[in-house]
């Protein structure tokens, strides 16, 4: 398959998003930057697990971090990512899994 078509990059992006908690993180970040403790509170997941998933999302260039005092505020690198996730969630809720 011709990797110049973007299929490989799209596949890598979808792989990075292929976890329910990562979808939750992207959904939270679509509303604006969040620190880890804010994601922990919003998603009711342990801090080490949130941090682990943020590492995956950072590695896939889905999120970026910016220092905010002693904390790091995470945000989406691109609005397209928020739309992809929102569309997938909406599609799943409609029963189109």
Protein backbone atom coordinates (compact mmCIF):
# COMPACT_ATOMS: atom_id res chain seq x y z
CA UNK A 1 0.00 0.00 0.00
CA UNK A 2 1.25 3.45 -0.85
CA UNK A 3 2.12 5.17 2.43
CA UNK A 4 2.07 8.52 0.64
CA UNK A 5 -1.72 8.42 0.73
CA UNK A 6 -1.79 9.08 4.44
CA UNK A 7 -3.33 5.71 5.29
CA UNK A 8 -0.40 4.74 7.49
CA UNK A 9 -0.49 8.00 9.43
CA UNK A 10 -4.28 7.77 9.79
CA UNK A 11 -3.95 4.20 11.04
CA UNK A 12 -1.41 5.28 13.65
CA UNK A 13 -3.70 8.10 14.78
CA UNK A 14 -6.67 5.75 15.12
CA UNK A 15 -4.52 3.24 17.02
CA UNK A 16 -3.55 5.97 19.49
CA UNK A 17 -7.23 6.79 20.00
CA UNK A 18 -8.31 3.15 20.34
CA UNK A 19 -8.86 3.11 24.10
CA UNK A 20 -11.99 4.35 25.89
CA UNK A 21 -9.97 6.38 28.40
CA UNK A 22 -8.02 8.10 25.61
CA UNK A 23 -11.32 8.99 23.95
CA UNK A 24 -12.42 10.47 27.27
CA UNK A 25 -9.20 12.45 27.56
CA UNK A 26 -9.59 13.86 24.03
CA UNK A 27 -13.22 14.73 24.76
CA UNK A 28 -12.20 16.60 27.92
CA UNK A 29 -9.38 18.42 26.12
CA UNK A 30 -11.75 19.45 23.33
CA UNK A 31 -13.26 21.87 25.87
CA UNK A 32 -9.85 23.40 26.63
CA UNK A 33 -6.51 22.69 28.30
CA UNK A 34 -6.53 20.50 31.42
CA UNK A 35 -3.95 19.45 33.99
CA UNK A 36 -3.63 15.81 34.98
CA UNK A 37 -5.53 16.28 38.26
CA UNK A 38 -8.44 17.83 36.34
CA UNK A 39 -8.55 14.82 34.01
CA UNK A 40 -8.39 12.47 37.01
CA UNK A 41 -11.39 14.23 38.58
CA UNK A 42 -13.40 14.40 35.35
CA UNK A 43 -12.76 10.82 34.22
CA UNK A 44 -12.64 9.12 37.64
CA UNK A 45 -9.45 7.29 36.76
CA UNK A 46 -6.23 6.96 38.77
CA UNK A 47 -3.50 9.50 38.09
CA UNK A 48 -0.90 6.94 36.93
CA UNK A 49 -3.35 5.58 34.36
CA UNK A 50 -4.20 9.07 33.05
CA UNK A 51 -0.48 9.86 32.80
CA UNK A 52 0.19 6.62 30.93
CA UNK A 53 -2.52 7.38 28.37
CA UNK A 54 -1.31 10.98 28.01
CA UNK A 55 2.15 9.61 27.17
CA UNK A 56 0.63 7.53 24.35
CA UNK A 57 -1.35 10.52 23.07
CA UNK A 58 1.73 12.77 23.25
CA UNK A 59 3.77 10.17 21.37
CA UNK A 60 1.13 10.14 18.64
CA UNK A 61 1.15 13.97 18.49
CA UNK A 62 -2.49 14.11 19.60
CA UNK A 63 -1.82 16.23 22.68
CA UNK A 64 0.88 18.62 23.81
CA UNK A 65 1.81 19.89 27.23
CA UNK A 66 2.61 23.41 28.37
CA UNK A 67 3.95 24.25 31.79
CA UNK A 68 1.46 26.07 34.02
CA UNK A 69 3.36 26.85 37.21
CA UNK A 70 4.22 23.50 38.78
CA UNK A 71 1.80 21.62 36.55
CA UNK A 72 1.54 20.77 32.88
CA UNK A 73 -1.62 21.76 31.04
CA UNK A 74 -2.44 19.39 28.20
CA UNK A 75 -4.26 20.46 25.05
CA UNK A 76 -5.11 18.97 21.68
CA UNK A 77 -2.64 19.62 18.88
CA UNK A 78 -5.41 19.91 16.30
CA UNK A 79 -9.18 20.52 16.28
CA UNK A 80 -9.59 17.74 13.71
CA UNK A 81 -8.85 15.21 16.43
CA UNK A 82 -11.71 16.50 18.58
CA UNK A 83 -14.08 16.21 15.62
CA UNK A 84 -12.95 12.67 14.79
CA UNK A 85 -13.59 11.56 18.38
CA UNK A 86 -16.89 13.44 18.68
CA UNK A 87 -18.12 11.89 15.43
CA UNK A 88 -17.07 8.40 16.56
CA UNK A 89 -18.84 8.80 19.92
CA UNK A 90 -21.96 10.15 18.21
CA UNK A 91 -21.93 7.28 15.71
CA UNK A 92 -21.57 4.71 18.50
CA UNK A 93 -24.45 6.25 20.47
CA UNK A 94 -26.65 5.97 17.37
CA UNK A 95 -25.98 2.24 17.33
CA UNK A 96 -23.74 2.35 14.30
CA UNK A 97 -20.90 0.55 16.00
